[in-house]
């Protein structure tokens, strides 16, 4: 009996020891599984911690044209703002066209009166003016001036400022003017230019960006600005004159000879 009792104790001890060993083995496996994840998990973890490890497309390595380098988020934001502004303009477009048509007859009489009142044959640009028609290939002109796809698209969406671009002119003398211009781009502030013909270098902004220019009379009827775009150093000629119908004209000529015109009617 004593011998049998000893054998039972030895068996019980062996079973207890085996149980602890199995528990330790299971616990150790669990620890290993937590410390060393499987290969797919390692790849996923590496991808999360190192976003630059993603493969680089060939297009990202090769510089593209200026249009392709525009930031996509900014492009969508700018175009959305432009389109929304354009839709607002379309609501009043008919009224603006009627207003411009009515103003043309006033413009001719008003300009003739202002010019005849002066002691010089030089034109008088004084008054408020609104673009009621345009002439020329504006897209080609903007390309000549190095404008991006975003700016060209926005300008086309806004119909190149038709019924929107306005100029106010205070004429101090036949050689001194103060211009204020509402631009096509709705995100840009009003541009102000104080012109003393032939005296000072001018720095001002337009829809194609900031410009540096000098002024002179090309003839008694045409005020000329020889300008350079600050961002691109591209040349630009700007002419201001009145038509026989009393319209005020801003003609812009690129260095490649592309000419476009803003034709304004006087606003009474």
C-alpha atoms as a PDB file:
ATOM      1  CA  UNK A   1       0.000   0.000   0.000  1.00  0.00           C
ATOM      2  CA  UNK A   2       2.781   2.407   0.872  1.00  0.00           C
ATOM      3  CA  UNK A   3       4.514   1.684  -2.413  1.00  0.00           C
ATOM      4  CA  UNK A   4       1.283   2.241  -4.367  1.00  0.00           C
ATOM      5  CA  UNK A   5       0.710   5.543  -2.540  1.00  0.00           C
ATOM      6  CA  UNK A   6       4.205   6.736  -3.484  1.00  0.00           C
ATOM      7  CA  UNK A   7       3.599   5.881  -7.153  1.00  0.00           C
ATOM      8  CA  UNK A   8       0.333   7.842  -7.168  1.00  0.00           C
ATOM      9  CA  UNK A   9       2.101  10.883  -5.699  1.00  0.00           C
ATOM     10  CA  UNK A  10       4.847  10.670  -8.327  1.00  0.00           C
ATOM     11  CA  UNK A  11       2.225  10.455 -11.106  1.00  0.00           C
ATOM     12  CA  UNK A  12       0.310  13.440  -9.732  1.00  0.00           C
ATOM     13  CA  UNK A  13       3.514  15.479  -9.490  1.00  0.00           C
ATOM     14  CA  UNK A  14       4.433  14.579 -13.071  1.00  0.00           C
ATOM     15  CA  UNK A  15       1.008  15.616 -14.341  1.00  0.00           C
ATOM     16  CA  UNK A  16       1.228  18.938 -12.436  1.00  0.00           C
ATOM     17  CA  UNK A  17       4.690  19.619 -13.842  1.00  0.00           C
ATOM     18  CA  UNK A  18       3.525  18.816 -17.369  1.00  0.00           C
ATOM     19  CA  UNK A  19       0.564  21.164 -16.945  1.00  0.00           C
ATOM     20  CA  UNK A  20       2.809  24.020 -15.925  1.00  0.00           C
ATOM     21  CA  UNK A  21       5.091  23.312 -18.880  1.00  0.00           C
ATOM     22  CA  UNK A  22       2.196  23.314 -21.319  1.00  0.00           C
ATOM     23  CA  UNK A  23       0.860  26.566 -19.826  1.00  0.00           C
ATOM     24  CA  UNK A  24       4.298  28.153 -20.098  1.00  0.00           C
ATOM     25  CA  UNK A  25       4.629  26.972 -23.677  1.00  0.00           C
ATOM     26  CA  UNK A  26       1.221  28.413 -24.610  1.00  0.00           C
ATOM     27  CA  UNK A  27       2.038  31.686 -22.851  1.00  0.00           C
ATOM     28  CA  UNK A  28       5.399  31.857 -24.587  1.00  0.00           C
ATOM     29  CA  UNK A  29       3.808  31.295 -27.990  1.00  0.00           C
ATOM     30  CA  UNK A  30       1.313  34.020 -27.261  1.00  0.00           C
ATOM     31  CA  UNK A  31       4.133  36.421 -26.380  1.00  0.00           C
ATOM     32  CA  UNK A  32       6.038  35.486 -29.498  1.00  0.00           C
ATOM     33  CA  UNK A  33       2.954  36.045 -31.639  1.00  0.00           C
ATOM     34  CA  UNK A  34       2.548  39.506 -30.138  1.00  0.00           C
ATOM     35  CA  UNK A  35       6.213  40.446 -30.543  1.00  0.00           C
ATOM     36  CA  UNK A  36       6.780  39.007 -34.008  1.00  0.00           C
ATOM     37  CA  UNK A  37       3.792  39.531 -36.341  1.00  0.00           C
ATOM     38  CA  UNK A  38       3.377  37.592 -39.514  1.00  0.00           C
ATOM     39  CA  UNK A  39       4.931  38.829 -42.738  1.00  0.00           C
ATOM     40  CA  UNK A  40       1.749  40.477 -44.122  1.00  0.00           C
ATOM     41  CA  UNK A  41       1.318  42.373 -40.851  1.00  0.00           C
ATOM     42  CA  UNK A  42       4.947  43.531 -41.010  1.00  0.00           C
ATOM     43  CA  UNK A  43       4.356  44.862 -44.521  1.00  0.00           C
ATOM     44  CA  UNK A  44       1.185  46.640 -43.481  1.00  0.00           C
ATOM     45  CA  UNK A  45       2.879  48.147 -40.426  1.00  0.00           C
ATOM     46  CA  UNK A  46       5.850  49.258 -42.518  1.00  0.00           C
ATOM     47  CA  UNK A  47       3.560  50.873 -45.041  1.00  0.00           C
ATOM     48  CA  UNK A  48       1.773  52.807 -42.297  1.00  0.00           C
ATOM     49  CA  UNK A  49       4.962  54.010 -40.661  1.00  0.00           C
ATOM     50  CA  UNK A  50       6.829  54.827 -43.887  1.00  0.00           C
ATOM     51  CA  UNK A  51       4.526  56.426 -46.479  1.00  0.00           C
ATOM     52  CA  UNK A  52       7.538  57.290 -48.642  1.00  0.00           C
ATOM     53  CA  UNK A  53       8.190  53.586 -49.193  1.00  0.00           C
ATOM     54  CA  UNK A  54       5.386  53.507 -51.786  1.00  0.00           C
ATOM     55  CA  UNK A  55       6.650  53.109 -55.353  1.00  0.00           C
ATOM     56  CA  UNK A  56       7.244  56.387 -57.227  1.00  0.00           C
ATOM     57  CA  UNK A  57       5.583  56.726 -60.605  1.00  0.00           C
ATOM     58  CA  UNK A  58       7.741  57.665 -63.551  1.00  0.00           C
ATOM     59  CA  UNK A  59       5.607  60.766 -64.161  1.00  0.00           C
ATOM     60  CA  UNK A  60       6.677  62.056 -60.739  1.00  0.00           C
ATOM     61  CA  UNK A  61      10.322  61.956 -61.795  1.00  0.00           C
ATOM     62  CA  UNK A  62      10.015  63.665 -65.158  1.00  0.00           C
ATOM     63  CA  UNK A  63       9.132  67.392 -65.121  1.00  0.00           C
ATOM     64  CA  UNK A  64       6.111  68.118 -67.273  1.00  0.00           C
ATOM     65  CA  UNK A  65       4.895  71.345 -68.905  1.00  0.00           C
ATOM     66  CA  UNK A  66       3.780  74.232 -66.737  1.00  0.00           C
ATOM     67  CA  UNK A  67       0.124  73.274 -67.110  1.00  0.00           C
ATOM     68  CA  UNK A  68       0.747  69.759 -65.785  1.00  0.00           C
ATOM     69  CA  UNK A  69       2.652  71.040 -62.745  1.00  0.00           C
ATOM     70  CA  UNK A  70      -0.310  72.989 -61.352  1.00  0.00           C
ATOM     71  CA  UNK A  71      -1.342  71.686 -57.946  1.00  0.00           C
ATOM     72  CA  UNK A  72      -4.560  69.725 -58.415  1.00  0.00           C
ATOM     73  CA  UNK A  73      -6.152  70.853 -55.174  1.00  0.00           C
ATOM     74  CA  UNK A  74      -5.500  74.531 -55.925  1.00  0.00           C
ATOM     75  CA  UNK A  75      -6.752  74.037 -59.463  1.00  0.00           C
ATOM     76  CA  UNK A  76     -10.055  72.598 -58.278  1.00  0.00           C
ATOM     77  CA  UNK A  77     -10.434  75.314 -55.652  1.00  0.00           C
ATOM     78  CA  UNK A  78      -9.690  78.139 -58.069  1.00  0.00           C
ATOM     79  CA  UNK A  79     -11.917  76.777 -60.795  1.00  0.00           C
ATOM     80  CA  UNK A  80     -14.768  76.182 -58.366  1.00  0.00           C
ATOM     81  CA  UNK A  81     -14.572  79.794 -57.226  1.00  0.00           C
ATOM     82  CA  UNK A  82     -14.377  81.001 -60.818  1.00  0.00           C
ATOM     83  CA  UNK A  83     -17.340  78.921 -61.938  1.00  0.00           C
ATOM     84  CA  UNK A  84     -19.453  80.071 -59.007  1.00  0.00           C
ATOM     85  CA  UNK A  85     -18.590  83.695 -59.792  1.00  0.00           C
ATOM     86  CA  UNK A  86     -19.327  83.087 -63.460  1.00  0.00           C
ATOM     87  CA  UNK A  87     -22.760  81.713 -62.656  1.00  0.00           C
ATOM     88  CA  UNK A  88     -23.499  84.866 -60.676  1.00  0.00           C
ATOM     89  CA  UNK A  89     -22.360  86.989 -63.615  1.00  0.00           C
ATOM     90  CA  UNK A  90     -24.642  85.136 -66.017  1.00  0.00           C
ATOM     91  CA  UNK A  91     -27.686  86.164 -63.987  1.00  0.00           C
ATOM     92  CA  UNK A  92     -27.024  89.843 -64.617  1.00  0.00           C
ATOM     93  CA  UNK A  93     -25.376  89.436 -68.024  1.00  0.00           C
ATOM     94  CA  UNK A  94     -28.515  90.411 -69.947  1.00  0.00           C
ATOM     95  CA  UNK A  95     -28.996  93.534 -67.848  1.00  0.00           C
ATOM     96  CA  UNK A  96     -25.357  94.513 -68.284  1.00  0.00           C
ATOM     97  CA  UNK A  97     -25.556  94.110 -72.049  1.00  0.00           C
ATOM     98  CA  UNK A  98     -28.665  96.319 -72.195  1.00  0.00           C
ATOM     99  CA  UNK A  99     -26.956  98.880 -69.966  1.00  0.00           C
ATOM    100  CA  UNK A 100     -23.877  98.890 -72.199  1.00  0.00           C
ATOM    101  CA  UNK A 101     -25.959  99.276 -75.347  1.00  0.00           C
ATOM    102  CA  UNK A 102     -27.779 102.250 -73.845  1.00  0.00           C
ATOM    103  CA  UNK A 103     -24.478 103.761 -72.729  1.00  0.00           C
ATOM    104  CA  UNK A 104     -22.863 103.751 -76.180  1.00  0.00           C
ATOM    105  CA  UNK A 105     -24.973 106.653 -77.436  1.00  0.00           C
ATOM    106  CA  UNK A 106     -24.163 108.624 -74.280  1.00  0.00           C
ATOM    107  CA  UNK A 107     -20.493 107.706 -74.658  1.00  0.00           C
ATOM    108  CA  UNK A 108     -20.085 109.268 -78.093  1.00  0.00           C
ATOM    109  CA  UNK A 109     -21.697 112.560 -77.114  1.00  0.00           C
ATOM    110  CA  UNK A 110     -19.913 112.712 -73.767  1.00  0.00           C
ATOM    111  CA  UNK A 111     -16.443 112.051 -75.208  1.00  0.00           C
ATOM    112  CA  UNK A 112     -16.896 114.591 -77.990  1.00  0.00           C
ATOM    113  CA  UNK A 113     -17.929 117.201 -75.442  1.00  0.00           C
ATOM    114  CA  UNK A 114     -14.955 116.450 -73.157  1.00  0.00           C
ATOM    115  CA  UNK A 115     -12.415 116.541 -75.988  1.00  0.00           C
ATOM    116  CA  UNK A 116     -13.763 119.775 -77.490  1.00  0.00           C
ATOM    117  CA  UNK A 117     -13.721 121.405 -74.038  1.00  0.00           C
ATOM    118  CA  UNK A 118      -9.926 120.994 -73.726  1.00  0.00           C
ATOM    119  CA  UNK A 119      -7.247 123.225 -75.133  1.00  0.00           C
ATOM    120  CA  UNK A 120      -5.315 120.254 -76.585  1.00  0.00           C
ATOM    121  CA  UNK A 121      -6.042 117.690 -79.259  1.00  0.00           C
ATOM    122  CA  UNK A 122      -5.155 114.907 -76.821  1.00  0.00           C
ATOM    123  CA  UNK A 123      -8.113 112.720 -75.765  1.00  0.00           C
ATOM    124  CA  UNK A 124      -9.928 112.925 -72.462  1.00  0.00           C
ATOM    125  CA  UNK A 125     -10.367 109.537 -70.788  1.00  0.00           C
ATOM    126  CA  UNK A 126     -12.210 110.908 -67.738  1.00  0.00           C
ATOM    127  CA  UNK A 127     -15.290 109.027 -66.567  1.00  0.00           C
ATOM    128  CA  UNK A 128     -16.500 105.543 -65.727  1.00  0.00           C
ATOM    129  CA  UNK A 129     -16.167 102.819 -68.341  1.00  0.00           C
ATOM    130  CA  UNK A 130     -17.491  99.245 -68.613  1.00  0.00           C
ATOM    131  CA  UNK A 131     -16.343  96.565 -71.095  1.00  0.00           C
ATOM    132  CA  UNK A 132     -19.207  95.881 -73.486  1.00  0.00           C
ATOM    133  CA  UNK A 133     -17.282  93.938 -76.147  1.00  0.00           C
ATOM    134  CA  UNK A 134     -13.887  92.386 -76.792  1.00  0.00           C
ATOM    135  CA  UNK A 135     -11.794  91.670 -79.876  1.00  0.00           C
ATOM    136  CA  UNK A 136      -8.931  89.259 -80.567  1.00  0.00           C
ATOM    137  CA  UNK A 137      -7.757  85.794 -79.522  1.00  0.00           C
ATOM    138  CA  UNK A 138      -7.431  86.098 -75.756  1.00  0.00           C
ATOM    139  CA  UNK A 139      -6.344  82.487 -75.260  1.00  0.00           C
ATOM    140  CA  UNK A 140      -3.435  82.924 -77.689  1.00  0.00           C
ATOM    141  CA  UNK A 141      -2.525  86.210 -76.009  1.00  0.00           C
ATOM    142  CA  UNK A 142      -2.484  84.598 -72.551  1.00  0.00           C
ATOM    143  CA  UNK A 143      -0.312  81.755 -73.861  1.00  0.00           C
ATOM    144  CA  UNK A 144       2.117  84.340 -75.278  1.00  0.00           C
ATOM    145  CA  UNK A 145       2.246  85.949 -71.835  1.00  0.00           C
ATOM    146  CA  UNK A 146       3.092  82.650 -70.107  1.00  0.00           C
ATOM    147  CA  UNK A 147      -0.214  82.270 -68.279  1.00  0.00           C
ATOM    148  CA  UNK A 148      -1.064  78.847 -66.831  1.00  0.00           C
ATOM    149  CA  UNK A 149      -3.880  76.547 -67.876  1.00  0.00           C
ATOM    150  CA  UNK A 150      -5.771  77.489 -64.693  1.00  0.00           C
ATOM    151  CA  UNK A 151      -5.695  81.228 -65.449  1.00  0.00           C
ATOM    152  CA  UNK A 152      -6.619  80.694 -69.107  1.00  0.00           C
ATOM    153  CA  UNK A 153      -9.531  78.439 -68.165  1.00  0.00           C
ATOM    154  CA  UNK A 154     -10.790  80.887 -65.548  1.00  0.00           C
ATOM    155  CA  UNK A 155     -10.528  83.809 -67.980  1.00  0.00           C
ATOM    156  CA  UNK A 156     -12.493  81.892 -70.609  1.00  0.00           C
ATOM    157  CA  UNK A 157     -15.125  80.903 -68.013  1.00  0.00           C
ATOM    158  CA  UNK A 158     -15.535  84.576 -67.092  1.00  0.00           C
ATOM    159  CA  UNK A 159     -15.875  85.475 -70.789  1.00  0.00           C
ATOM    160  CA  UNK A 160     -12.650  87.518 -70.575  1.00  0.00           C
ATOM    161  CA  UNK A 161     -14.257  90.179 -68.388  1.00  0.00           C
ATOM    162  CA  UNK A 162     -17.170  91.071 -70.660  1.00  0.00           C
ATOM    163  CA  UNK A 163     -19.657  93.096 -68.620  1.00  0.00           C
ATOM    164  CA  UNK A 164     -17.351  92.951 -65.581  1.00  0.00           C
ATOM    165  CA  UNK A 165     -14.090  94.836 -66.173  1.00  0.00           C
ATOM    166  CA  UNK A 166     -14.505  98.512 -65.308  1.00  0.00           C
ATOM    167  CA  UNK A 167     -12.205 101.525 -65.453  1.00  0.00           C
ATOM    168  CA  UNK A 168     -12.601 104.816 -63.624  1.00  0.00           C
ATOM    169  CA  UNK A 169     -10.422 107.666 -64.789  1.00  0.00           C
ATOM    170  CA  UNK A 170      -9.751 110.993 -63.125  1.00  0.00           C
ATOM    171  CA  UNK A 171      -7.971 113.216 -65.632  1.00  0.00           C
ATOM    172  CA  UNK A 172      -5.976 115.900 -63.852  1.00  0.00           C
ATOM    173  CA  UNK A 173      -4.402 117.316 -67.000  1.00  0.00           C
ATOM    174  CA  UNK A 174      -3.667 116.164 -70.535  1.00  0.00           C
ATOM    175  CA  UNK A 175      -0.568 114.402 -69.205  1.00  0.00           C
ATOM    176  CA  UNK A 176      -1.729 113.178 -65.797  1.00  0.00           C
ATOM    177  CA  UNK A 177      -4.320 110.503 -65.073  1.00  0.00           C
ATOM    178  CA  UNK A 178      -5.512 108.440 -62.120  1.00  0.00           C
ATOM    179  CA  UNK A 179      -6.937 105.076 -63.199  1.00  0.00           C
ATOM    180  CA  UNK A 180      -8.801 102.542 -61.043  1.00  0.00           C
ATOM    181  CA  UNK A 181      -9.623  99.203 -62.667  1.00  0.00           C
ATOM    182  CA  UNK A 182     -11.836  96.294 -61.599  1.00  0.00           C
ATOM    183  CA  UNK A 183     -10.170  93.190 -63.043  1.00  0.00           C
ATOM    184  CA  UNK A 184     -11.593  90.006 -64.548  1.00  0.00           C
ATOM    185  CA  UNK A 185     -10.246  87.877 -61.685  1.00  0.00           C
ATOM    186  CA  UNK A 186     -12.780  88.179 -58.820  1.00  0.00           C
ATOM    187  CA  UNK A 187     -10.093  87.264 -56.265  1.00  0.00           C
ATOM    188  CA  UNK A 188      -7.902  90.283 -57.106  1.00  0.00           C
ATOM    189  CA  UNK A 189      -8.340  93.730 -55.644  1.00  0.00           C
ATOM    190  CA  UNK A 190      -8.972  96.837 -57.684  1.00  0.00           C
ATOM    191  CA  UNK A 191      -5.863  98.065 -59.512  1.00  0.00           C
ATOM    192  CA  UNK A 192      -4.780 101.705 -59.172  1.00  0.00           C
ATOM    193  CA  UNK A 193      -2.403 103.551 -61.514  1.00  0.00           C
ATOM    194  CA  UNK A 194      -1.256 107.165 -61.255  1.00  0.00           C
ATOM    195  CA  UNK A 195       0.135 108.133 -64.660  1.00  0.00           C
ATOM    196  CA  UNK A 196       2.329 111.141 -65.348  1.00  0.00           C
ATOM    197  CA  UNK A 197       3.045 110.633 -69.021  1.00  0.00           C
ATOM    198  CA  UNK A 198       6.759 110.279 -69.764  1.00  0.00           C
ATOM    199  CA  UNK A 199       7.846 111.121 -66.198  1.00  0.00           C
ATOM    200  CA  UNK A 200       7.814 108.122 -63.853  1.00  0.00           C
ATOM    201  CA  UNK A 201       8.132 104.351 -64.096  1.00  0.00           C
ATOM    202  CA  UNK A 202       4.858 102.622 -63.275  1.00  0.00           C
ATOM    203  CA  UNK A 203       4.257  99.501 -61.183  1.00  0.00           C
ATOM    204  CA  UNK A 204       0.746  98.055 -61.255  1.00  0.00           C
ATOM    205  CA  UNK A 205      -1.197  94.816 -61.488  1.00  0.00           C
ATOM    206  CA  UNK A 206      -3.433  93.511 -64.244  1.00  0.00           C
ATOM    207  CA  UNK A 207      -5.129  90.199 -65.002  1.00  0.00           C
ATOM    208  CA  UNK A 208      -1.821  88.811 -66.286  1.00  0.00           C
ATOM    209  CA  UNK A 209      -0.003  89.790 -63.079  1.00  0.00           C
ATOM    210  CA  UNK A 210       2.200  92.646 -61.941  1.00  0.00           C
ATOM    211  CA  UNK A 211       3.697  94.896 -64.612  1.00  0.00           C
ATOM    212  CA  UNK A 212       6.462  97.481 -64.790  1.00  0.00           C
ATOM    213  CA  UNK A 213       5.953 100.110 -67.499  1.00  0.00           C
ATOM    214  CA  UNK A 214       6.861 103.481 -68.935  1.00  0.00           C
ATOM    215  CA  UNK A 215       4.378 105.786 -70.670  1.00  0.00           C
ATOM    216  CA  UNK A 216       4.452 108.162 -73.637  1.00  0.00           C
ATOM    217  CA  UNK A 217       2.171 109.604 -76.278  1.00  0.00           C
ATOM    218  CA  UNK A 218       2.529 107.562 -79.456  1.00  0.00           C
ATOM    219  CA  UNK A 219       0.482 110.244 -81.189  1.00  0.00           C
ATOM    220  CA  UNK A 220      -1.856 112.978 -80.037  1.00  0.00           C
ATOM    221  CA  UNK A 221      -4.607 110.355 -79.892  1.00  0.00           C
ATOM    222  CA  UNK A 222      -2.885 107.242 -78.444  1.00  0.00           C
ATOM    223  CA  UNK A 223      -1.373 106.820 -74.977  1.00  0.00           C
ATOM    224  CA  UNK A 224       1.243 104.051 -75.041  1.00  0.00           C
ATOM    225  CA  UNK A 225       2.701 101.932 -72.230  1.00  0.00           C
ATOM    226  CA  UNK A 226       5.792  99.785 -72.834  1.00  0.00           C
ATOM    227  CA  UNK A 227       5.563  97.131 -70.134  1.00  0.00           C
ATOM    228  CA  UNK A 228       7.243  93.984 -68.856  1.00  0.00           C
ATOM    229  CA  UNK A 229       5.558  91.251 -66.829  1.00  0.00           C
ATOM    230  CA  UNK A 230       7.399  91.015 -63.502  1.00  0.00           C
ATOM    231  CA  UNK A 231       6.942  87.237 -63.133  1.00  0.00           C
ATOM    232  CA  UNK A 232       8.034  86.198 -66.629  1.00  0.00           C
ATOM    233  CA  UNK A 233       9.995  89.234 -67.969  1.00  0.00           C
ATOM    234  CA  UNK A 234       7.873  88.986 -71.140  1.00  0.00           C
ATOM    235  CA  UNK A 235       7.244  92.266 -73.033  1.00  0.00           C
ATOM    236  CA  UNK A 236       3.819  93.810 -73.490  1.00  0.00           C
ATOM    237  CA  UNK A 237       2.526  96.929 -75.212  1.00  0.00           C
ATOM    238  CA  UNK A 238      -0.623  98.627 -73.911  1.00  0.00           C
ATOM    239  CA  UNK A 239      -2.415 101.282 -75.939  1.00  0.00           C
ATOM    240  CA  UNK A 240      -5.265 103.535 -74.768  1.00  0.00           C
ATOM    241  CA  UNK A 241      -7.395 105.591 -77.139  1.00  0.00           C
ATOM    242  CA  UNK A 242     -10.935 106.618 -78.037  1.00  0.00           C
ATOM    243  CA  UNK A 243     -12.869 105.427 -81.078  1.00  0.00           C
ATOM    244  CA  UNK A 244     -14.878 107.692 -83.350  1.00  0.00           C
ATOM    245  CA  UNK A 245     -17.993 106.304 -81.612  1.00  0.00           C
ATOM    246  CA  UNK A 246     -16.740 107.567 -78.246  1.00  0.00           C
ATOM    247  CA  UNK A 247     -15.672 104.177 -76.894  1.00  0.00           C
ATOM    248  CA  UNK A 248     -12.598 103.832 -74.688  1.00  0.00           C
ATOM    249  CA  UNK A 249     -10.178 101.110 -75.857  1.00  0.00           C
ATOM    250  CA  UNK A 250      -7.444  99.207 -74.063  1.00  0.00           C
ATOM    251  CA  UNK A 251      -5.418  97.304 -76.641  1.00  0.00           C
ATOM    252  CA  UNK A 252      -2.783  94.825 -75.429  1.00  0.00           C
ATOM    253  CA  UNK A 253      -0.109  93.424 -77.763  1.00  0.00           C
ATOM    254  CA  UNK A 254       2.146  90.544 -76.728  1.00  0.00           C
ATOM    255  CA  UNK A 255       5.812  90.279 -77.661  1.00  0.00           C
ATOM    256  CA  UNK A 256       4.775  87.823 -80.385  1.00  0.00           C
ATOM    257  CA  UNK A 257       2.349  90.330 -81.878  1.00  0.00           C
ATOM    258  CA  UNK A 258      -0.972  88.889 -80.652  1.00  0.00           C
ATOM    259  CA  UNK A 259      -3.401  91.765 -80.145  1.00  0.00           C
ATOM    260  CA  UNK A 260      -6.542  91.811 -77.968  1.00  0.00           C
ATOM    261  CA  UNK A 261      -8.870  94.675 -77.131  1.00  0.00           C
ATOM    262  CA  UNK A 262     -11.138  95.660 -74.259  1.00  0.00           C
ATOM    263  CA  UNK A 263     -13.725  98.055 -75.666  1.00  0.00           C
ATOM    264  CA  UNK A 264     -15.498 100.128 -73.024  1.00  0.00           C
ATOM    265  CA  UNK A 265     -18.729 102.100 -73.083  1.00  0.00           C
ATOM    266  CA  UNK A 266     -19.101 105.168 -70.865  1.00  0.00           C
ATOM    267  CA  UNK A 267     -21.393 104.793 -67.856  1.00  0.00           C
ATOM    268  CA  UNK A 268     -23.683 107.722 -67.116  1.00  0.00           C
END
